[in-house]
Amino acid sequence: MTARKRLEFEPDTVERDLVKLVLTVVELLRQLMERQAVRRFDTGDLTEEQEERIGLTLMLLDDRMTELRERYGLRPEDLNLDLGPLDACLLNPSPSLRDVDETRMLYSAFNKI
């Protein structure tokens, strides 16, 4: 019989590790929202008021993320994930794709992880 590996939790780092995981997911979503906003700015789909509101919201989210990273001693690079095929979609989004097609591509890539 082989010995079973057990997870060993460090009580001193559980909160920080959980915050790191949550902030990593929030950062991924923030980047996706920011890219979508830029696309909408570029296509002229937004009114000036909508552009202002989205810009302010993204700035406030970035400020809050910075505060939380600092509180838990995390650097921006600590929130990076190796997302495999999803990384390629995020780094090189095709401007010719419509939002629906891009969403399908991201969903497909995410399911391969």
PDB file of N, CA and C in Angstrom:
ATOM      1  N   MET A   1       0.835  -1.179   0.000  1.00  0.00           N
ATOM      2  CA  MET A   1       0.000   0.000   0.000  1.00  0.00           C
ATOM      3  C   MET A   1       0.881   1.245   0.000  1.00  0.00           C
ATOM      4  N   THR A   2       0.534   2.198  -0.860  1.00  0.00           N
ATOM      5  CA  THR A   2       1.334   3.412  -0.930  1.00  0.00           C
ATOM      6  C   THR A   2       0.817   4.450   0.052  1.00  0.00           C
ATOM      7  N   ALA A   3       1.740   5.233   0.515  1.00  0.00           N
ATOM      8  CA  ALA A   3       1.349   6.294   1.446  1.00  0.00           C
ATOM      9  C   ALA A   3       0.585   7.370   0.694  1.00  0.00           C
ATOM     10  N   ARG A   4      -0.483   7.830   1.273  1.00  0.00           N
ATOM     11  CA  ARG A   4      -1.285   8.889   0.650  1.00  0.00           C
ATOM     12  C   ARG A   4      -0.682  10.233   0.996  1.00  0.00           C
ATOM     13  N   LYS A   5      -0.615  11.078  -0.012  1.00  0.00           N
ATOM     14  CA  LYS A   5      -0.148  12.436   0.240  1.00  0.00           C
ATOM     15  C   LYS A   5      -1.262  13.228   0.892  1.00  0.00           C
ATOM     16  N   ARG A   6      -0.884  13.995   1.851  1.00  0.00           N
ATOM     17  CA  ARG A   6      -1.858  14.835   2.535  1.00  0.00           C
ATOM     18  C   ARG A   6      -1.547  16.294   2.258  1.00  0.00           C
ATOM     19  N   LEU A   7      -2.589  17.038   2.131  1.00  0.00           N
ATOM     20  CA  LEU A   7      -2.408  18.471   2.004  1.00  0.00           C
ATOM     21  C   LEU A   7      -2.040  19.031   3.361  1.00  0.00           C
ATOM     22  N   GLU A   8      -1.055  19.853   3.365  1.00  0.00           N
ATOM     23  CA  GLU A   8      -0.673  20.492   4.607  1.00  0.00           C
ATOM     24  C   GLU A   8      -0.933  21.980   4.482  1.00  0.00           C
ATOM     25  N   PHE A   9      -1.807  22.456   5.311  1.00  0.00           N
ATOM     26  CA  PHE A   9      -2.150  23.865   5.293  1.00  0.00           C
ATOM     27  C   PHE A   9      -1.329  24.591   6.338  1.00  0.00           C
ATOM     28  N   GLU A  10      -0.862  25.746   5.955  1.00  0.00           N
ATOM     29  CA  GLU A  10      -0.132  26.592   6.882  1.00  0.00           C
ATOM     30  C   GLU A  10      -1.124  27.617   7.439  1.00  0.00           C
ATOM     31  N   PRO A  11      -1.469  27.508   8.702  1.00  0.00           N
ATOM     32  CA  PRO A  11      -2.453  28.442   9.263  1.00  0.00           C
ATOM     33  C   PRO A  11      -2.062  29.903   9.098  1.00  0.00           C
ATOM     34  N   ASP A  12      -0.764  30.171   9.068  1.00  0.00           N
ATOM     35  CA  ASP A  12      -0.302  31.557   8.973  1.00  0.00           C
ATOM     36  C   ASP A  12      -0.511  32.149   7.582  1.00  0.00           C
ATOM     37  N   THR A  13      -0.640  31.300   6.550  1.00  0.00           N
ATOM     38  CA  THR A  13      -0.731  31.822   5.189  1.00  0.00           C
ATOM     39  C   THR A  13      -2.063  31.538   4.499  1.00  0.00           C
ATOM     40  N   VAL A  14      -2.981  30.880   5.175  1.00  0.00           N
ATOM     41  CA  VAL A  14      -4.248  30.518   4.534  1.00  0.00           C
ATOM     42  C   VAL A  14      -4.985  31.756   4.037  1.00  0.00           C
ATOM     43  N   GLU A  15      -5.096  32.773   4.865  1.00  0.00           N
ATOM     44  CA  GLU A  15      -5.827  33.977   4.460  1.00  0.00           C
ATOM     45  C   GLU A  15      -5.155  34.641   3.267  1.00  0.00           C
ATOM     46  N   ARG A  16      -3.836  34.793   3.329  1.00  0.00           N
ATOM     47  CA  ARG A  16      -3.102  35.432   2.231  1.00  0.00           C
ATOM     48  C   ARG A  16      -3.229  34.623   0.956  1.00  0.00           C
ATOM     49  N   ASP A  17      -3.129  33.295   1.056  1.00  0.00           N
ATOM     50  CA  ASP A  17      -3.240  32.444  -0.124  1.00  0.00           C
ATOM     51  C   ASP A  17      -4.629  32.524  -0.743  1.00  0.00           C
ATOM     52  N   LEU A  18      -5.648  32.583   0.097  1.00  0.00           N
ATOM     53  CA  LEU A  18      -7.015  32.714  -0.404  1.00  0.00           C
ATOM     54  C   LEU A  18      -7.212  34.068  -1.077  1.00  0.00           C
ATOM     55  N   VAL A  19      -6.703  35.123  -0.472  1.00  0.00           N
ATOM     56  CA  VAL A  19      -6.800  36.457  -1.059  1.00  0.00           C
ATOM     57  C   VAL A  19      -6.061  36.488  -2.396  1.00  0.00           C
ATOM     58  N   LYS A  20      -4.909  35.844  -2.454  1.00  0.00           N
ATOM     59  CA  LYS A  20      -4.142  35.796  -3.703  1.00  0.00           C
ATOM     60  C   LYS A  20      -4.958  35.119  -4.805  1.00  0.00           C
ATOM     61  N   LEU A  21      -5.600  34.013  -4.492  1.00  0.00           N
ATOM     62  CA  LEU A  21      -6.420  33.310  -5.478  1.00  0.00           C
ATOM     63  C   LEU A  21      -7.578  34.185  -5.950  1.00  0.00           C
ATOM     64  N   VAL A  22      -8.285  34.788  -5.018  1.00  0.00           N
ATOM     65  CA  VAL A  22      -9.436  35.624  -5.366  1.00  0.00           C
ATOM     66  C   VAL A  22      -8.981  36.831  -6.196  1.00  0.00           C
ATOM     67  N   LEU A  23      -7.914  37.490  -5.779  1.00  0.00           N
ATOM     68  CA  LEU A  23      -7.427  38.654  -6.521  1.00  0.00           C
ATOM     69  C   LEU A  23      -6.931  38.264  -7.912  1.00  0.00           C
ATOM     70  N   THR A  24      -6.378  37.076  -8.053  1.00  0.00           N
ATOM     71  CA  THR A  24      -5.934  36.613  -9.363  1.00  0.00           C
ATOM     72  C   THR A  24      -7.124  36.483 -10.307  1.00  0.00           C
ATOM     73  N   VAL A  25      -8.205  35.913  -9.828  1.00  0.00           N
ATOM     74  CA  VAL A  25      -9.416  35.771 -10.653  1.00  0.00           C
ATOM     75  C   VAL A  25     -10.005  37.145 -10.965  1.00  0.00           C
ATOM     76  N   VAL A  26     -10.057  38.024  -9.961  1.00  0.00           N
ATOM     77  CA  VAL A  26     -10.589  39.369 -10.178  1.00  0.00           C
ATOM     78  C   VAL A  26      -9.715  40.119 -11.186  1.00  0.00           C
ATOM     79  N   GLU A  27      -8.405  39.958 -11.116  1.00  0.00           N
ATOM     80  CA  GLU A  27      -7.502  40.629 -12.057  1.00  0.00           C
ATOM     81  C   GLU A  27      -7.736  40.131 -13.478  1.00  0.00           C
ATOM     82  N   LEU A  28      -7.928  38.843 -13.648  1.00  0.00           N
ATOM     83  CA  LEU A  28      -8.230  38.295 -14.969  1.00  0.00           C
ATOM     84  C   LEU A  28      -9.518  38.921 -15.516  1.00  0.00           C
ATOM     85  N   LEU A  29     -10.547  38.972 -14.692  1.00  0.00           N
ATOM     86  CA  LEU A  29     -11.820  39.563 -15.120  1.00  0.00           C
ATOM     87  C   LEU A  29     -11.670  41.055 -15.405  1.00  0.00           C
ATOM     88  N   ARG A  30     -10.878  41.746 -14.599  1.00  0.00           N
ATOM     89  CA  ARG A  30     -10.644  43.177 -14.820  1.00  0.00           C
ATOM     90  C   ARG A  30      -9.989  43.412 -16.172  1.00  0.00           C
ATOM     91  N   GLN A  31      -9.000  42.587 -16.501  1.00  0.00           N
ATOM     92  CA  GLN A  31      -8.324  42.732 -17.787  1.00  0.00           C
ATOM     93  C   GLN A  31      -9.275  42.466 -18.949  1.00  0.00           C
ATOM     94  N   LEU A  32     -10.117  41.462 -18.806  1.00  0.00           N
ATOM     95  CA  LEU A  32     -11.093  41.171 -19.857  1.00  0.00           C
ATOM     96  C   LEU A  32     -12.081  42.327 -20.023  1.00  0.00           C
ATOM     97  N   MET A  33     -12.549  42.882 -18.908  1.00  0.00           N
ATOM     98  CA  MET A  33     -13.482  44.011 -18.961  1.00  0.00           C
ATOM     99  C   MET A  33     -12.810  45.233 -19.594  1.00  0.00           C
ATOM    100  N   GLU A  34     -11.555  45.444 -19.268  1.00  0.00           N
ATOM    101  CA  GLU A  34     -10.832  46.576 -19.822  1.00  0.00           C
ATOM    102  C   GLU A  34     -10.675  46.439 -21.338  1.00  0.00           C
ATOM    103  N   ARG A  35     -10.355  45.243 -21.790  1.00  0.00           N
ATOM    104  CA  ARG A  35     -10.225  45.013 -23.239  1.00  0.00           C
ATOM    105  C   ARG A  35     -11.560  45.224 -23.952  1.00  0.00           C
ATOM    106  N   GLN A  36     -12.629  44.753 -23.342  1.00  0.00           N
ATOM    107  CA  GLN A  36     -13.957  44.947 -23.924  1.00  0.00           C
ATOM    108  C   GLN A  36     -14.301  46.432 -23.990  1.00  0.00           C
ATOM    109  N   ALA A  37     -13.974  47.174 -22.938  1.00  0.00           N
ATOM    110  CA  ALA A  37     -14.244  48.613 -22.922  1.00  0.00           C
ATOM    111  C   ALA A  37     -13.464  49.323 -24.023  1.00  0.00           C
ATOM    112  N   VAL A  38     -12.198  48.970 -24.192  1.00  0.00           N
ATOM    113  CA  VAL A  38     -11.377  49.593 -25.235  1.00  0.00           C
ATOM    114  C   VAL A  38     -11.970  49.308 -26.609  1.00  0.00           C
ATOM    115  N   ARG A  39     -12.423  48.084 -26.828  1.00  0.00           N
ATOM    116  CA  ARG A  39     -13.053  47.746 -28.112  1.00  0.00           C
ATOM    117  C   ARG A  39     -14.305  48.593 -28.345  1.00  0.00           C
ATOM    118  N   ARG A  40     -15.083  48.756 -27.279  1.00  0.00           N
ATOM    119  CA  ARG A  40     -16.303  49.564 -27.415  1.00  0.00           C
ATOM    120  C   ARG A  40     -15.974  51.038 -27.622  1.00  0.00           C
ATOM    121  N   PHE A  41     -14.906  51.532 -26.985  1.00  0.00           N
ATOM    122  CA  PHE A  41     -14.467  52.907 -27.224  1.00  0.00           C
ATOM    123  C   PHE A  41     -14.085  53.068 -28.695  1.00  0.00           C
ATOM    124  N   ASP A  42     -13.288  52.108 -29.187  1.00  0.00           N
ATOM    125  CA  ASP A  42     -12.782  52.178 -30.568  1.00  0.00           C
ATOM    126  C   ASP A  42     -13.880  52.105 -31.617  1.00  0.00           C
ATOM    127  N   THR A  43     -14.932  51.367 -31.341  1.00  0.00           N
ATOM    128  CA  THR A  43     -16.018  51.231 -32.319  1.00  0.00           C
ATOM    129  C   THR A  43     -17.033  52.362 -32.213  1.00  0.00           C
ATOM    130  N   GLY A  44     -16.923  53.185 -31.182  1.00  0.00           N
ATOM    131  CA  GLY A  44     -17.837  54.303 -31.026  1.00  0.00           C
ATOM    132  C   GLY A  44     -19.223  53.906 -30.554  1.00  0.00           C
ATOM    133  N   ASP A  45     -19.322  52.766 -29.878  1.00  0.00           N
ATOM    134  CA  ASP A  45     -20.617  52.270 -29.399  1.00  0.00           C
ATOM    135  C   ASP A  45     -21.123  53.000 -28.154  1.00  0.00           C
ATOM    136  N   LEU A  46     -20.283  53.797 -27.543  1.00  0.00           N
ATOM    137  CA  LEU A  46     -20.624  54.384 -26.245  1.00  0.00           C
ATOM    138  C   LEU A  46     -20.844  55.885 -26.350  1.00  0.00           C
ATOM    139  N   THR A  47     -21.713  56.383 -25.498  1.00  0.00           N
ATOM    140  CA  THR A  47     -21.859  57.832 -25.380  1.00  0.00           C
ATOM    141  C   THR A  47     -20.687  58.350 -24.546  1.00  0.00           C
ATOM    142  N   GLU A  48     -20.513  59.631 -24.549  1.00  0.00           N
ATOM    143  CA  GLU A  48     -19.437  60.232 -23.755  1.00  0.00           C
ATOM    144  C   GLU A  48     -19.633  59.930 -22.269  1.00  0.00           C
ATOM    145  N   GLU A  49     -20.889  59.964 -21.819  1.00  0.00           N
ATOM    146  CA  GLU A  49     -21.201  59.670 -20.416  1.00  0.00           C
ATOM    147  C   GLU A  49     -20.847  58.218 -20.067  1.00  0.00           C
ATOM    148  N   GLN A  50     -21.164  57.293 -20.951  1.00  0.00           N
ATOM    149  CA  GLN A  50     -20.835  55.880 -20.716  1.00  0.00           C
ATOM    150  C   GLN A  50     -19.330  55.681 -20.674  1.00  0.00           C
ATOM    151  N   GLU A  51     -18.610  56.327 -21.590  1.00  0.00           N
ATOM    152  CA  GLU A  51     -17.147  56.220 -21.591  1.00  0.00           C
ATOM    153  C   GLU A  51     -16.577  56.720 -20.278  1.00  0.00           C
ATOM    154  N   GLU A  52     -17.109  57.856 -19.807  1.00  0.00           N
ATOM    155  CA  GLU A  52     -16.640  58.433 -18.544  1.00  0.00           C
ATOM    156  C   GLU A  52     -16.901  57.486 -17.381  1.00  0.00           C
ATOM    157  N   ARG A  53     -18.099  56.914 -17.334  1.00  0.00           N
ATOM    158  CA  ARG A  53     -18.479  56.009 -16.236  1.00  0.00           C
ATOM    159  C   ARG A  53     -17.633  54.738 -16.245  1.00  0.00           C
ATOM    160  N   ILE A  54     -17.423  54.159 -17.419  1.00  0.00           N
ATOM    161  CA  ILE A  54     -16.610  52.940 -17.516  1.00  0.00           C
ATOM    162  C   ILE A  54     -15.169  53.233 -17.125  1.00  0.00           C
ATOM    163  N   GLY A  55     -14.631  54.349 -17.622  1.00  0.00           N
ATOM    164  CA  GLY A  55     -13.251  54.721 -17.279  1.00  0.00           C
ATOM    165  C   GLY A  55     -13.071  54.913 -15.783  1.00  0.00           C
ATOM    166  N   LEU A  56     -14.014  55.610 -15.165  1.00  0.00           N
ATOM    167  CA  LEU A  56     -13.950  55.838 -13.715  1.00  0.00           C
ATOM    168  C   LEU A  56     -14.052  54.522 -12.953  1.00  0.00           C
ATOM    169  N   THR A  57     -14.957  53.662 -13.368  1.00  0.00           N
ATOM    170  CA  THR A  57     -15.126  52.363 -12.704  1.00  0.00           C
ATOM    171  C   THR A  57     -13.854  51.536 -12.788  1.00  0.00           C
ATOM    172  N   LEU A  58     -13.236  51.491 -13.964  1.00  0.00           N
ATOM    173  CA  LEU A  58     -11.997  50.719 -14.117  1.00  0.00           C
ATOM    174  C   LEU A  58     -10.858  51.308 -13.289  1.00  0.00           C
ATOM    175  N   MET A  59     -10.800  52.640 -13.200  1.00  0.00           N
ATOM    176  CA  MET A  59      -9.764  53.275 -12.373  1.00  0.00           C
ATOM    177  C   MET A  59      -9.971  52.953 -10.899  1.00  0.00           C
ATOM    178  N   LEU A  60     -11.225  53.015 -10.440  1.00  0.00           N
ATOM    179  CA  LEU A  60     -11.518  52.700  -9.040  1.00  0.00           C
ATOM    180  C   LEU A  60     -11.197  51.241  -8.722  1.00  0.00           C
ATOM    181  N   LEU A  61     -11.522  50.338  -9.649  1.00  0.00           N
ATOM    182  CA  LEU A  61     -11.208  48.921  -9.452  1.00  0.00           C
ATOM    183  C   LEU A  61      -9.698  48.721  -9.376  1.00  0.00           C
ATOM    184  N   ASP A  62      -8.960  49.384 -10.241  1.00  0.00           N
ATOM    185  CA  ASP A  62      -7.500  49.270 -10.212  1.00  0.00           C
ATOM    186  C   ASP A  62      -6.942  49.792  -8.887  1.00  0.00           C
ATOM    187  N   ASP A  63      -7.469  50.920  -8.403  1.00  0.00           N
ATOM    188  CA  ASP A  63      -7.026  51.473  -7.111  1.00  0.00           C
ATOM    189  C   ASP A  63      -7.311  50.491  -5.972  1.00  0.00           C
ATOM    190  N   ARG A  64      -8.495  49.902  -5.984  1.00  0.00           N
ATOM    191  CA  ARG A  64      -8.877  48.955  -4.924  1.00  0.00           C
ATOM    192  C   ARG A  64      -8.003  47.713  -4.965  1.00  0.00           C
ATOM    193  N   MET A  65      -7.704  47.238  -6.176  1.00  0.00           N
ATOM    194  CA  MET A  65      -6.825  46.072  -6.323  1.00  0.00           C
ATOM    195  C   MET A  65      -5.438  46.391  -5.754  1.00  0.00           C
ATOM    196  N   THR A  66      -4.950  47.590  -6.028  1.00  0.00           N
ATOM    197  CA  THR A  66      -3.639  47.993  -5.504  1.00  0.00           C
ATOM    198  C   THR A  66      -3.664  48.006  -3.980  1.00  0.00           C
ATOM    199  N   GLU A  67      -4.728  48.560  -3.389  1.00  0.00           N
ATOM    200  CA  GLU A  67      -4.848  48.591  -1.927  1.00  0.00           C
ATOM    201  C   GLU A  67      -4.836  47.179  -1.341  1.00  0.00           C
ATOM    202  N   LEU A  68      -5.589  46.267  -1.946  1.00  0.00           N
ATOM    203  CA  LEU A  68      -5.663  44.898  -1.427  1.00  0.00           C
ATOM    204  C   LEU A  68      -4.333  44.164  -1.602  1.00  0.00           C
ATOM    205  N   ARG A  69      -3.672  44.367  -2.738  1.00  0.00           N
ATOM    206  CA  ARG A  69      -2.358  43.737  -2.922  1.00  0.00           C
ATOM    207  C   ARG A  69      -1.384  44.223  -1.855  1.00  0.00           C
ATOM    208  N   GLU A  70      -1.375  45.520  -1.616  1.00  0.00           N
ATOM    209  CA  GLU A  70      -0.466  46.079  -0.614  1.00  0.00           C
ATOM    210  C   GLU A  70      -0.793  45.569   0.781  1.00  0.00           C
ATOM    211  N   ARG A  71      -2.069  45.470   1.111  1.00  0.00           N
ATOM    212  CA  ARG A  71      -2.480  44.999   2.435  1.00  0.00           C
ATOM    213  C   ARG A  71      -1.970  43.584   2.691  1.00  0.00           C
ATOM    214  N   TYR A  72      -1.956  42.751   1.666  1.00  0.00           N
ATOM    215  CA  TYR A  72      -1.549  41.350   1.837  1.00  0.00           C
ATOM    216  C   TYR A  72      -0.136  41.074   1.316  1.00  0.00           C
ATOM    217  N   GLY A  73       0.616  42.120   1.028  1.00  0.00           N
ATOM    218  CA  GLY A  73       2.008  41.952   0.626  1.00  0.00           C
ATOM    219  C   GLY A  73       2.180  41.255  -0.714  1.00  0.00           C
ATOM    220  N   LEU A  74       1.283  41.525  -1.645  1.00  0.00           N
ATOM    221  CA  LEU A  74       1.345  40.899  -2.963  1.00  0.00           C
ATOM    222  C   LEU A  74       1.789  41.926  -3.998  1.00  0.00           C
ATOM    223  N   ARG A  75       2.536  41.441  -4.979  1.00  0.00           N
ATOM    224  CA  ARG A  75       2.952  42.275  -6.102  1.00  0.00           C
ATOM    225  C   ARG A  75       2.062  41.951  -7.302  1.00  0.00           C
ATOM    226  N   PRO A  76       1.979  42.845  -8.292  1.00  0.00           N
ATOM    227  CA  PRO A  76       1.156  42.548  -9.471  1.00  0.00           C
ATOM    228  C   PRO A  76       1.539  41.216 -10.130  1.00  0.00           C
ATOM    229  N   GLU A  77       2.828  40.922 -10.172  1.00  0.00           N
ATOM    230  CA  GLU A  77       3.266  39.671 -10.808  1.00  0.00           C
ATOM    231  C   GLU A  77       2.871  38.424 -10.010  1.00  0.00           C
ATOM    232  N   ASP A  78       2.528  38.599  -8.732  1.00  0.00           N
ATOM    233  CA  ASP A  78       2.045  37.470  -7.931  1.00  0.00           C
ATOM    234  C   ASP A  78       0.661  37.005  -8.387  1.00  0.00           C
ATOM    235  N   LEU A  79      -0.036  37.866  -9.136  1.00  0.00           N
ATOM    236  CA  LEU A  79      -1.387  37.545  -9.574  1.00  0.00           C
ATOM    237  C   LEU A  79      -1.419  36.996 -10.996  1.00  0.00           C
ATOM    238  N   ASN A  80      -0.265  36.705 -11.555  1.00  0.00           N
ATOM    239  CA  ASN A  80      -0.219  36.145 -12.907  1.00  0.00           C
ATOM    240  C   ASN A  80      -0.482  34.656 -12.874  1.00  0.00           C
ATOM    241  N   LEU A  81      -1.218  34.187 -13.856  1.00  0.00           N
ATOM    242  CA  LEU A  81      -1.492  32.762 -14.017  1.00  0.00           C
ATOM    243  C   LEU A  81      -1.000  32.303 -15.369  1.00  0.00           C
ATOM    244  N   ASP A  82      -0.559  31.071 -15.458  1.00  0.00           N
ATOM    245  CA  ASP A  82      -0.281  30.470 -16.754  1.00  0.00           C
ATOM    246  C   ASP A  82      -1.598  29.866 -17.227  1.00  0.00           C
ATOM    247  N   LEU A  83      -2.244  30.526 -18.159  1.00  0.00           N
ATOM    248  CA  LEU A  83      -3.568  30.100 -18.596  1.00  0.00           C
ATOM    249  C   LEU A  83      -3.536  29.274 -19.876  1.00  0.00           C
ATOM    250  N   GLY A  84      -2.354  28.852 -20.267  1.00  0.00           N
ATOM    251  CA  GLY A  84      -2.256  28.009 -21.450  1.00  0.00           C
ATOM    252  C   GLY A  84      -2.849  28.696 -22.666  1.00  0.00           C
ATOM    253  N   PRO A  85      -3.788  28.038 -23.359  1.00  0.00           N
ATOM    254  CA  PRO A  85      -4.336  28.604 -24.593  1.00  0.00           C
ATOM    255  C   PRO A  85      -5.121  29.894 -24.372  1.00  0.00           C
ATOM    256  N   LEU A  86      -5.611  30.102 -23.187  1.00  0.00           N
ATOM    257  CA  LEU A  86      -6.346  31.333 -22.922  1.00  0.00           C
ATOM    258  C   LEU A  86      -5.415  32.540 -22.952  1.00  0.00           C
ATOM    259  N   ASP A  87      -4.146  32.358 -22.562  1.00  0.00           N
ATOM    260  CA  ASP A  87      -3.178  33.448 -22.630  1.00  0.00           C
ATOM    261  C   ASP A  87      -3.083  34.012 -24.041  1.00  0.00           C
ATOM    262  N   ALA A  88      -3.042  33.121 -25.041  1.00  0.00           N
ATOM    263  CA  ALA A  88      -2.937  33.573 -26.430  1.00  0.00           C
ATOM    264  C   ALA A  88      -4.145  34.417 -26.814  1.00  0.00           C
ATOM    265  N   CYS A  89      -5.311  34.047 -26.337  1.00  0.00           N
ATOM    266  CA  CYS A  89      -6.522  34.814 -26.634  1.00  0.00           C
ATOM    267  C   CYS A  89      -6.459  36.192 -25.990  1.00  0.00           C
ATOM    268  N   LEU A  90      -5.905  36.266 -24.794  1.00  0.00           N
ATOM    269  CA  LEU A  90      -5.832  37.543 -24.095  1.00  0.00           C
ATOM    270  C   LEU A  90      -4.751  38.447 -24.668  1.00  0.00           C
ATOM    271  N   LEU A  91      -3.615  37.857 -25.052  1.00  0.00           N
ATOM    272  CA  LEU A  91      -2.499  38.656 -25.545  1.00  0.00           C
ATOM    273  C   LEU A  91      -2.690  39.111 -26.985  1.00  0.00           C
ATOM    274  N   ASN A  92      -3.352  38.293 -27.794  1.00  0.00           N
ATOM    275  CA  ASN A  92      -3.511  38.594 -29.218  1.00  0.00           C
ATOM    276  C   ASN A  92      -4.960  38.494 -29.657  1.00  0.00           C
ATOM    277  N   PRO A  93      -5.840  39.298 -29.076  1.00  0.00           N
ATOM    278  CA  PRO A  93      -7.237  39.195 -29.495  1.00  0.00           C
ATOM    279  C   PRO A  93      -7.394  39.652 -30.931  1.00  0.00           C
ATOM    280  N   SER A  94      -8.187  38.952 -31.668  1.00  0.00           N
ATOM    281  CA  SER A  94      -8.409  39.284 -33.067  1.00  0.00           C
ATOM    282  C   SER A  94      -9.425  40.412 -33.172  1.00  0.00           C
ATOM    283  N   PRO A  95      -9.043  41.540 -33.770  1.00  0.00           N
ATOM    284  CA  PRO A  95      -9.991  42.651 -33.875  1.00  0.00           C
ATOM    285  C   PRO A  95     -11.146  42.346 -34.827  1.00  0.00           C
ATOM    286  N   SER A  96     -10.992  41.330 -35.656  1.00  0.00           N
ATOM    287  CA  SER A  96     -12.049  41.026 -36.616  1.00  0.00           C
ATOM    288  C   SER A  96     -13.169  40.184 -36.022  1.00  0.00           C
ATOM    289  N   LEU A  97     -12.939  39.636 -34.827  1.00  0.00           N
ATOM    290  CA  LEU A  97     -13.973  38.808 -34.211  1.00  0.00           C
ATOM    291  C   LEU A  97     -15.067  39.673 -33.609  1.00  0.00           C
ATOM    292  N   ARG A  98     -16.286  39.216 -33.750  1.00  0.00           N
ATOM    293  CA  ARG A  98     -17.371  39.883 -33.054  1.00  0.00           C
ATOM    294  C   ARG A  98     -17.350  39.395 -31.617  1.00  0.00           C
ATOM    295  N   ASP A  99     -17.993  40.110 -30.711  1.00  0.00           N
ATOM    296  CA  ASP A  99     -17.985  39.762 -29.287  1.00  0.00           C
ATOM    297  C   ASP A  99     -18.458  38.338 -29.039  1.00  0.00           C
ATOM    298  N   VAL A 100     -19.482  37.899 -29.744  1.00  0.00           N
ATOM    299  CA  VAL A 100     -20.011  36.553 -29.536  1.00  0.00           C
ATOM    300  C   VAL A 100     -18.973  35.505 -29.922  1.00  0.00           C
ATOM    301  N   ASP A 101     -18.330  35.704 -31.059  1.00  0.00           N
ATOM    302  CA  ASP A 101     -17.307  34.751 -31.493  1.00  0.00           C
ATOM    303  C   ASP A 101     -16.132  34.731 -30.531  1.00  0.00           C
ATOM    304  N   GLU A 102     -15.737  35.881 -30.048  1.00  0.00           N
ATOM    305  CA  GLU A 102     -14.616  35.946 -29.109  1.00  0.00           C
ATOM    306  C   GLU A 102     -14.981  35.261 -27.793  1.00  0.00           C
ATOM    307  N   THR A 103     -16.197  35.463 -27.335  1.00  0.00           N
ATOM    308  CA  THR A 103     -16.640  34.814 -26.103  1.00  0.00           C
ATOM    309  C   THR A 103     -16.604  33.296 -26.269  1.00  0.00           C
ATOM    310  N   ARG A 104     -17.067  32.808 -27.403  1.00  0.00           N
ATOM    311  CA  ARG A 104     -17.021  31.364 -27.658  1.00  0.00           C
ATOM    312  C   ARG A 104     -15.574  30.859 -27.666  1.00  0.00           C
ATOM    313  N   MET A 105     -14.673  31.606 -28.296  1.00  0.00           N
ATOM    314  CA  MET A 105     -13.274  31.203 -28.371  1.00  0.00           C
ATOM    315  C   MET A 105     -12.666  31.163 -26.957  1.00  0.00           C
ATOM    316  N   LEU A 106     -12.933  32.189 -26.148  1.00  0.00           N
ATOM    317  CA  LEU A 106     -12.401  32.222 -24.789  1.00  0.00           C
ATOM    318  C   LEU A 106     -12.958  31.075 -23.958  1.00  0.00           C
ATOM    319  N   TYR A 107     -14.249  30.817 -24.109  1.00  0.00           N
ATOM    320  CA  TYR A 107     -14.883  29.720 -23.368  1.00  0.00           C
ATOM    321  C   TYR A 107     -14.248  28.391 -23.767  1.00  0.00           C
ATOM    322  N   SER A 108     -14.051  28.189 -25.051  1.00  0.00           N
ATOM    323  CA  SER A 108     -13.447  26.959 -25.540  1.00  0.00           C
ATOM    324  C   SER A 108     -12.027  26.795 -25.012  1.00  0.00           C
ATOM    325  N   ALA A 109     -11.234  27.874 -25.066  1.00  0.00           N
ATOM    326  CA  ALA A 109      -9.863  27.814 -24.579  1.00  0.00           C
ATOM    327  C   ALA A 109      -9.830  27.567 -23.084  1.00  0.00           C
ATOM    328  N   PHE A 110     -10.732  28.200 -22.348  1.00  0.00           N
ATOM    329  CA  PHE A 110     -10.779  28.031 -20.900  1.00  0.00           C
ATOM    330  C   PHE A 110     -11.111  26.593 -20.530  1.00  0.00           C
ATOM    331  N   ASN A 111     -11.980  25.936 -21.275  1.00  0.00           N
ATOM    332  CA  ASN A 111     -12.348  24.556 -20.987  1.00  0.00           C
ATOM    333  C   ASN A 111     -11.214  23.576 -21.256  1.00  0.00           C
ATOM    334  N   LYS A 112     -10.212  23.989 -22.034  1.00  0.00           N
ATOM    335  CA  LYS A 112      -9.074  23.117 -22.324  1.00  0.00           C
ATOM    336  C   LYS A 112      -8.037  23.130 -21.220  1.00  0.00           C
ATOM    337  N   ILE A 113      -8.165  24.090 -20.315  1.00  0.00           N
ATOM    338  CA  ILE A 113      -7.165  24.220 -19.227  1.00  0.00           C
ATOM    339  C   ILE A 113      -7.340  23.094 -18.238  1.00  0.00           C
TER     340      ILE A 113
END
